[in-house]
Amino acid sequence: MRQFAARGARVLTTITNDAWFGRTAAPYQHFSMAVFRAVENRMPVVRAANTGISGFIDAQGRIHAASEIFTEAVLTRDILPSDGRITFYTRYGDLFAWLCVLASILFLLLAGEAKQPRS
């Protein structure tokens, strides 16, 4: 979704088949991931799932409508497309996460070196 946002999308959509999750926590987790995509890219997400959760999420991650799992429903909602501004995440992706991994590795190396006795 980040690449779509970087290329100028103003609304993100997800069409998914959640049937294979069954009646587990997975459809709820799958829907919550759409909330993260909305926030990361500051863009509304419209999600349609055949048996999972369909719904509308605004650019701040607020859920405005959501269906239940294994329930036939029709949802309609007006949405505001994003203003086109690019977020740090949209521009650089997982760079921050990779920098955190690198910093953790360096910290562990330095901590291990500090524990070694000096002769």
Foldseek 3Di string as FASTA:
>chain_A
DLQVLLVQFQAAEEEEEPVVVPPDCVLVVVVLVQLVVLQLFLFKYFYHYPFGKTFIAGSNSDTPDIDHGRDDDDDDDDYDTHPSDGDPCSVPPCPVVVVVVVVVVVVVVVVVVVPDDDD
